[in-house]
């Protein structure tokens, strides 16, 4: 792991002043890259797919940068993510001390902010791995099948993901682009991809309740899921707060990084406090502690169903 800078005896990078400065520099470079390429969905998907390989039973996988290994890139659901890694390689070369695992999760957090989403705390210190997880950890469910929602719940229960966490992460759907052939409003395809300033909102939940996204309508047949969908459709502030907490937990999946208490001094005193300061806006993130051990799944199944839209298009 020499290429990734100094590490401790456990293989964890040493997060010192040099490392924190590298994170800050990489953050700015990723911001610029996203503004130039407008490939927010691609970077968010990269962060999700690297982290959601976590297996709570065997304690393997997670946010460890292994998605850069060709064997894992070849897994179903990871099509086009090689182009995301290629875009980030110049930044990795410039800040060699950073682990790939930190860079991938940082890029996902920056993508949310560039798309107008909430502040999400970033804690550095993920170790890199070149061990690809077994094929099949990225879920691919057809919501047209009778047991689809039950299968989804079993997967996120296996990972320790609550129904609330799963549902709130569905809101990131609006950051992505779904195809003209899968929505009753073809204009949504362009409207919510090209205008970054309007892309992160609770609109997914509103559209789901209105029936604008019929392919996801089966979710509403589950009473618990529907209750959260209705809550987030009615209250964007609650949605943004809960999303920030859930996304941070995603970035820590499979790691031993500490819990952040949103709305407390833990954010300001973070090991990368300068990043927190530069990202704070009028949206104040409030809430309870994030549970580190939560396995964050969500979003993988819809990204996979729309993978053809991302293939070769950044």
Protein backbone atom coordinates (compact mmCIF):
# COMPACT_ATOMS: atom_id res chain seq x y z
CA UNK A 1 0.00 0.00 0.00
CA UNK A 2 3.03 2.22 -0.40
CA UNK A 3 1.36 4.14 -3.21
CA UNK A 4 -1.31 5.29 -0.77
CA UNK A 5 1.05 6.92 1.73
CA UNK A 6 1.84 6.18 5.34
CA UNK A 7 -0.26 3.55 7.06
CA UNK A 8 -0.48 2.18 10.56
CA UNK A 9 0.18 -1.41 11.48
CA UNK A 10 -3.46 -2.24 10.71
CA UNK A 11 -3.24 -0.94 7.15
CA UNK A 12 -5.26 2.18 7.99
CA UNK A 13 -3.92 5.45 6.53
CA UNK A 14 -2.41 7.90 8.97
CA UNK A 15 -4.77 10.87 8.98
CA UNK A 16 -2.36 13.69 9.81
CA UNK A 17 -2.19 17.30 8.60
CA UNK A 18 -0.80 16.23 5.24
CA UNK A 19 -3.63 13.75 4.74
CA UNK A 20 -6.32 16.26 5.73
CA UNK A 21 -4.79 18.82 3.35
CA UNK A 22 -4.88 16.22 0.58
CA UNK A 23 -8.57 15.57 1.25
CA UNK A 24 -9.31 19.27 1.07
CA UNK A 25 -7.39 19.60 -2.18
CA UNK A 26 -9.05 16.55 -3.70
CA UNK A 27 -12.47 17.85 -2.71
CA UNK A 28 -11.90 21.04 -4.70
CA UNK A 29 -10.63 19.08 -7.69
CA UNK A 30 -13.68 16.80 -7.63
CA UNK A 31 -15.97 19.84 -7.44
CA UNK A 32 -14.34 21.30 -10.54
CA UNK A 33 -14.47 17.97 -12.35
CA UNK A 34 -18.17 17.56 -11.63
CA UNK A 35 -18.97 21.07 -12.78
CA UNK A 36 -17.13 20.37 -16.04
CA UNK A 37 -18.41 16.86 -16.75
CA UNK A 38 -21.85 16.99 -15.08
CA UNK A 39 -21.48 13.31 -14.21
CA UNK A 40 -22.95 13.56 -10.72
CA UNK A 41 -24.97 10.32 -11.05
CA UNK A 42 -21.89 8.38 -12.07
CA UNK A 43 -19.82 9.45 -9.05
CA UNK A 44 -22.68 8.85 -6.65
CA UNK A 45 -23.20 5.40 -8.11
CA UNK A 46 -19.48 4.64 -7.76
CA UNK A 47 -19.57 5.50 -4.05
CA UNK A 48 -22.73 3.46 -3.48
CA UNK A 49 -21.46 0.39 -5.30
CA UNK A 50 -18.08 0.37 -3.57
CA UNK A 51 -19.74 0.54 -0.15
CA UNK A 52 -22.78 -1.68 -0.64
CA UNK A 53 -20.71 -4.84 -1.14
CA UNK A 54 -20.56 -5.04 2.65
CA UNK A 55 -21.69 -8.30 4.22
CA UNK A 56 -22.65 -7.92 7.87
CA UNK A 57 -22.39 -11.63 8.54
CA UNK A 58 -18.83 -12.14 7.33
CA UNK A 59 -17.76 -8.51 7.96
CA UNK A 60 -16.26 -8.32 4.47
CA UNK A 61 -16.56 -5.83 1.64
CA UNK A 62 -17.73 -2.29 2.11
CA UNK A 63 -16.16 1.09 1.37
CA UNK A 64 -12.64 -0.17 0.73
CA UNK A 65 -11.90 0.89 -2.85
CA UNK A 66 -11.99 -2.66 -4.19
CA UNK A 67 -14.34 -1.63 -7.00
CA UNK A 68 -11.25 -0.46 -8.91
CA UNK A 69 -10.20 -4.11 -9.30
CA UNK A 70 -11.19 -5.36 -12.74
CA UNK A 71 -12.78 -8.53 -11.37
CA UNK A 72 -15.24 -6.43 -9.38
CA UNK A 73 -15.78 -3.93 -12.19
CA UNK A 74 -16.91 -6.87 -14.32
CA UNK A 75 -19.70 -7.70 -11.85
CA UNK A 76 -23.27 -7.17 -12.99
CA UNK A 77 -24.39 -3.68 -12.06
CA UNK A 78 -20.95 -2.05 -12.30
CA UNK A 79 -21.06 -1.30 -16.01
CA UNK A 80 -19.69 2.16 -16.85
CA UNK A 81 -18.10 2.68 -13.44
CA UNK A 82 -14.66 2.16 -14.93
CA UNK A 83 -15.11 5.53 -16.64
CA UNK A 84 -15.82 7.14 -13.25
CA UNK A 85 -12.58 5.70 -11.87
CA UNK A 86 -10.69 6.90 -14.95
CA UNK A 87 -11.96 10.42 -14.34
CA UNK A 88 -10.72 10.31 -10.75
CA UNK A 89 -7.28 8.83 -11.51
CA UNK A 90 -5.60 12.22 -12.22
CA UNK A 91 -6.81 13.45 -8.83
CA UNK A 92 -5.52 10.29 -7.16
CA UNK A 93 -2.15 10.82 -8.87
CA UNK A 94 -2.03 14.39 -7.61
CA UNK A 95 -2.86 13.37 -4.03
CA UNK A 96 -1.18 9.99 -3.77
CA UNK A 97 -1.42 9.88 0.00
CA UNK A 98 -5.21 9.42 -0.29
CA UNK A 99 -6.62 5.92 -0.39
CA UNK A 100 -8.95 5.06 -3.25
CA UNK A 101 -11.57 4.17 -0.66
CA UNK A 102 -11.51 7.71 0.75
CA UNK A 103 -11.46 9.31 -2.70
CA UNK A 104 -14.45 7.30 -3.95
CA UNK A 105 -16.59 8.17 -0.92
CA UNK A 106 -15.47 11.78 -0.94
CA UNK A 107 -16.49 12.05 -4.60
CA UNK A 108 -19.96 10.75 -3.75
CA UNK A 109 -20.39 13.33 -1.00
CA UNK A 110 -19.20 16.13 -3.26
CA UNK A 111 -21.61 14.92 -5.95
CA UNK A 112 -24.54 15.34 -3.56
CA UNK A 113 -23.48 18.90 -2.73
CA UNK A 114 -22.89 19.86 -6.37
CA UNK A 115 -26.42 18.62 -7.09
CA UNK A 116 -27.81 20.91 -4.38
CA UNK A 117 -28.09 18.27 -1.67
CA UNK A 118 -27.37 18.53 2.07
CA UNK A 119 -24.03 18.77 3.84
CA UNK A 120 -22.72 15.28 4.62
CA UNK A 121 -19.87 14.87 7.07
CA UNK A 122 -16.79 13.17 5.66
CA UNK A 123 -14.41 11.32 7.97
CA UNK A 124 -11.16 10.14 6.31
CA UNK A 125 -9.27 6.96 7.15
CA UNK A 126 -10.59 4.12 5.00
CA UNK A 127 -8.12 1.42 4.11
CA UNK A 128 -7.80 0.12 0.55
CA UNK A 129 -8.37 -3.47 -0.49
CA UNK A 130 -7.73 -5.34 -3.73
CA UNK A 131 -9.92 -8.27 -2.70
CA UNK A 132 -13.02 -8.31 -4.88
CA UNK A 133 -16.17 -9.49 -3.08
CA UNK A 134 -18.14 -12.43 -4.47
CA UNK A 135 -20.38 -11.81 -7.44
CA UNK A 136 -23.99 -11.14 -6.49
CA UNK A 137 -23.70 -8.75 -3.56
CA UNK A 138 -25.15 -5.90 -5.58
CA UNK A 139 -28.89 -6.53 -5.56
CA UNK A 140 -30.88 -6.59 -8.74
CA UNK A 141 -34.59 -6.84 -8.10
CA UNK A 142 -37.45 -6.64 -10.54
CA UNK A 143 -40.25 -4.72 -8.83
CA UNK A 144 -42.64 -6.40 -11.21
CA UNK A 145 -42.31 -9.72 -9.37
CA UNK A 146 -44.76 -10.53 -6.55
CA UNK A 147 -42.09 -10.96 -3.84
CA UNK A 148 -39.81 -8.10 -4.88
CA UNK A 149 -40.38 -5.88 -1.85
CA UNK A 150 -40.04 -8.81 0.54
CA UNK A 151 -36.74 -9.72 -1.11
CA UNK A 152 -35.53 -6.15 -0.80
CA UNK A 153 -36.34 -6.07 2.89
CA UNK A 154 -34.48 -9.30 3.49
CA UNK A 155 -31.39 -7.89 1.84
CA UNK A 156 -31.27 -4.68 3.79
CA UNK A 157 -32.12 -6.52 7.01
CA UNK A 158 -29.12 -8.78 6.33
CA UNK A 159 -26.97 -5.68 6.04
CA UNK A 160 -28.48 -4.02 9.10
CA UNK A 161 -30.32 -1.37 7.11
CA UNK A 162 -33.59 -0.09 8.54
CA UNK A 163 -36.62 0.53 6.37
CA UNK A 164 -36.34 4.25 7.11
CA UNK A 165 -32.72 4.36 5.91
CA UNK A 166 -33.58 2.45 2.77
CA UNK A 167 -36.49 4.72 1.89
CA UNK A 168 -34.64 7.98 2.51
CA UNK A 169 -31.81 6.89 0.22
CA UNK A 170 -34.38 6.35 -2.52
CA UNK A 171 -34.59 10.12 -2.76
CA UNK A 172 -31.21 10.15 -4.49
CA UNK A 173 -33.09 8.67 -7.43
CA UNK A 174 -33.76 12.22 -8.54
CA UNK A 175 -30.04 12.86 -8.86
CA UNK A 176 -29.88 10.11 -11.45
CA UNK A 177 -31.61 10.00 -14.78
CA UNK A 178 -34.20 7.46 -15.74
CA UNK A 179 -34.99 6.67 -19.32
CA UNK A 180 -37.74 8.13 -21.42
CA UNK A 181 -39.16 4.67 -21.83
CA UNK A 182 -39.53 4.14 -18.05
CA UNK A 183 -41.44 7.28 -17.05
CA UNK A 184 -44.82 8.75 -17.94
CA UNK A 185 -43.15 12.17 -18.29
CA UNK A 186 -40.28 11.96 -20.84
CA UNK A 187 -39.27 15.56 -20.11
CA UNK A 188 -38.06 14.48 -16.68
CA UNK A 189 -35.17 12.71 -18.37
CA UNK A 190 -33.58 16.00 -19.41
CA UNK A 191 -35.06 18.37 -16.86
CA UNK A 192 -33.54 16.77 -13.81
CA UNK A 193 -30.19 15.87 -15.31
CA UNK A 194 -29.23 19.09 -17.03
CA UNK A 195 -30.23 21.56 -14.29
CA UNK A 196 -27.98 20.65 -11.37
CA UNK A 197 -29.46 23.31 -9.10
CA UNK A 198 -32.86 21.62 -9.06
CA UNK A 199 -31.89 17.99 -8.93
CA UNK A 200 -31.66 17.14 -5.24
CA UNK A 201 -35.07 17.39 -3.59
CA UNK A 202 -37.93 15.30 -2.26
CA UNK A 203 -39.51 15.25 -5.73
CA UNK A 204 -38.96 11.50 -6.10
CA UNK A 205 -41.38 10.80 -3.25
CA UNK A 206 -43.96 13.23 -4.61
CA UNK A 207 -43.78 11.66 -8.05
CA UNK A 208 -43.98 8.17 -6.57
CA UNK A 209 -47.23 9.07 -4.80
CA UNK A 210 -48.60 10.72 -7.97
CA UNK A 211 -47.87 7.61 -10.02
CA UNK A 212 -45.35 9.37 -12.26
CA UNK A 213 -42.85 6.55 -11.66
CA UNK A 214 -45.05 3.47 -12.18
CA UNK A 215 -42.14 1.03 -12.25
CA UNK A 216 -41.52 1.76 -8.54
CA UNK A 217 -45.19 1.81 -7.55
CA UNK A 218 -45.06 -1.63 -5.94
CA UNK A 219 -43.12 -0.07 -3.07
CA UNK A 220 -46.29 1.67 -1.94
CA UNK A 221 -47.98 -1.67 -1.29
CA UNK A 222 -45.78 -2.02 1.78
CA UNK A 223 -47.41 0.02 4.57
CA UNK A 224 -44.14 0.81 6.36
CA UNK A 225 -42.42 2.00 3.19
CA UNK A 226 -45.46 4.02 2.14
CA UNK A 227 -45.54 5.84 5.50
CA UNK A 228 -41.95 7.02 5.02
CA UNK A 229 -42.60 7.98 1.39
CA UNK A 230 -45.55 10.12 2.51
CA UNK A 231 -43.47 11.71 5.28
CA UNK A 232 -40.64 12.70 2.95
CA UNK A 233 -43.01 13.88 0.22
CA UNK A 234 -44.59 16.26 2.73
CA UNK A 235 -41.42 17.52 4.45
CA UNK A 236 -38.27 18.22 2.44
CA UNK A 237 -36.38 19.43 5.54
CA UNK A 238 -36.82 16.09 7.27
CA UNK A 239 -35.83 14.28 4.12
CA UNK A 240 -32.58 16.26 3.74
CA UNK A 241 -31.68 15.73 7.39
CA UNK A 242 -32.35 12.00 7.29
CA UNK A 243 -30.61 11.58 3.95
CA UNK A 244 -27.42 13.21 5.26
CA UNK A 245 -27.29 10.80 8.18
CA UNK A 246 -27.99 7.74 6.04
CA UNK A 247 -25.47 8.68 3.37
CA UNK A 248 -22.73 9.23 5.94
CA UNK A 249 -23.43 5.76 7.32
CA UNK A 250 -23.06 4.44 3.77
CA UNK A 251 -19.58 5.94 3.53
CA UNK A 252 -18.54 4.16 6.72
CA UNK A 253 -19.91 0.76 5.79
CA UNK A 254 -17.33 -1.92 6.53
CA UNK A 255 -15.00 0.52 8.31
CA UNK A 256 -14.19 1.31 11.94
CA UNK A 257 -14.63 5.06 11.57
CA UNK A 258 -16.33 6.91 14.46
CA UNK A 259 -19.94 7.98 14.69
CA UNK A 260 -20.82 11.59 13.90
CA UNK A 261 -23.58 13.30 15.87
CA UNK A 262 -25.35 15.60 13.47
CA UNK A 263 -26.10 19.06 14.80
CA UNK A 264 -23.49 18.68 17.55
CA UNK A 265 -19.90 19.73 18.12
CA UNK A 266 -18.85 16.41 16.58
CA UNK A 267 -19.16 17.95 13.12
CA UNK A 268 -17.07 20.99 13.92
CA UNK A 269 -14.45 18.95 15.77
CA UNK A 270 -14.20 16.36 13.03
CA UNK A 271 -10.72 15.37 11.87
CA UNK A 272 -11.56 17.27 8.70
CA UNK A 273 -13.28 20.25 10.22
CA UNK A 274 -12.14 22.56 7.42
CA UNK A 275 -14.17 20.49 4.97
CA UNK A 276 -17.22 20.73 7.20
CA UNK A 277 -16.85 24.50 7.45
CA UNK A 278 -16.50 25.03 3.73
CA UNK A 279 -19.59 22.94 3.00
CA UNK A 280 -22.02 24.38 5.53
CA UNK A 281 -24.96 26.27 3.97
CA UNK A 282 -28.38 27.41 5.15
CA UNK A 283 -29.44 23.78 5.33
CA UNK A 284 -28.68 22.82 8.93
CA UNK A 285 -28.27 19.13 9.44
CA UNK A 286 -29.95 17.99 12.63
CA UNK A 287 -30.75 14.57 14.05
CA UNK A 288 -29.57 11.65 16.06
CA UNK A 289 -26.46 9.54 16.00
CA UNK A 290 -25.60 7.58 12.89
CA UNK A 291 -25.25 3.87 13.51
CA UNK A 292 -21.89 2.89 12.01
CA UNK A 293 -22.73 -0.75 11.72
CA UNK A 294 -25.75 -0.05 9.52
CA UNK A 295 -25.43 -1.74 6.17
CA UNK A 296 -26.55 0.77 3.59
CA UNK A 297 -28.00 -0.84 0.53
CA UNK A 298 -30.67 1.20 -1.22
CA UNK A 299 -30.41 2.58 -4.69
CA UNK A 300 -28.45 -0.32 -6.15
CA UNK A 301 -31.46 -2.01 -7.64
CA UNK A 302 -32.69 1.08 -9.50
CA UNK A 303 -29.18 2.05 -10.64
CA UNK A 304 -28.83 -1.46 -12.05
CA UNK A 305 -32.16 -1.25 -13.86
CA UNK A 306 -31.06 2.02 -15.45
CA UNK A 307 -27.43 1.06 -16.08
CA UNK A 308 -27.91 1.28 -19.82
CA UNK A 309 -28.50 5.01 -19.44
CA UNK A 310 -25.08 5.53 -17.88
CA UNK A 311 -23.10 3.32 -20.19
CA UNK A 312 -20.74 5.53 -22.07
CA UNK A 313 -22.60 8.73 -21.16
CA UNK A 314 -21.07 11.04 -18.57
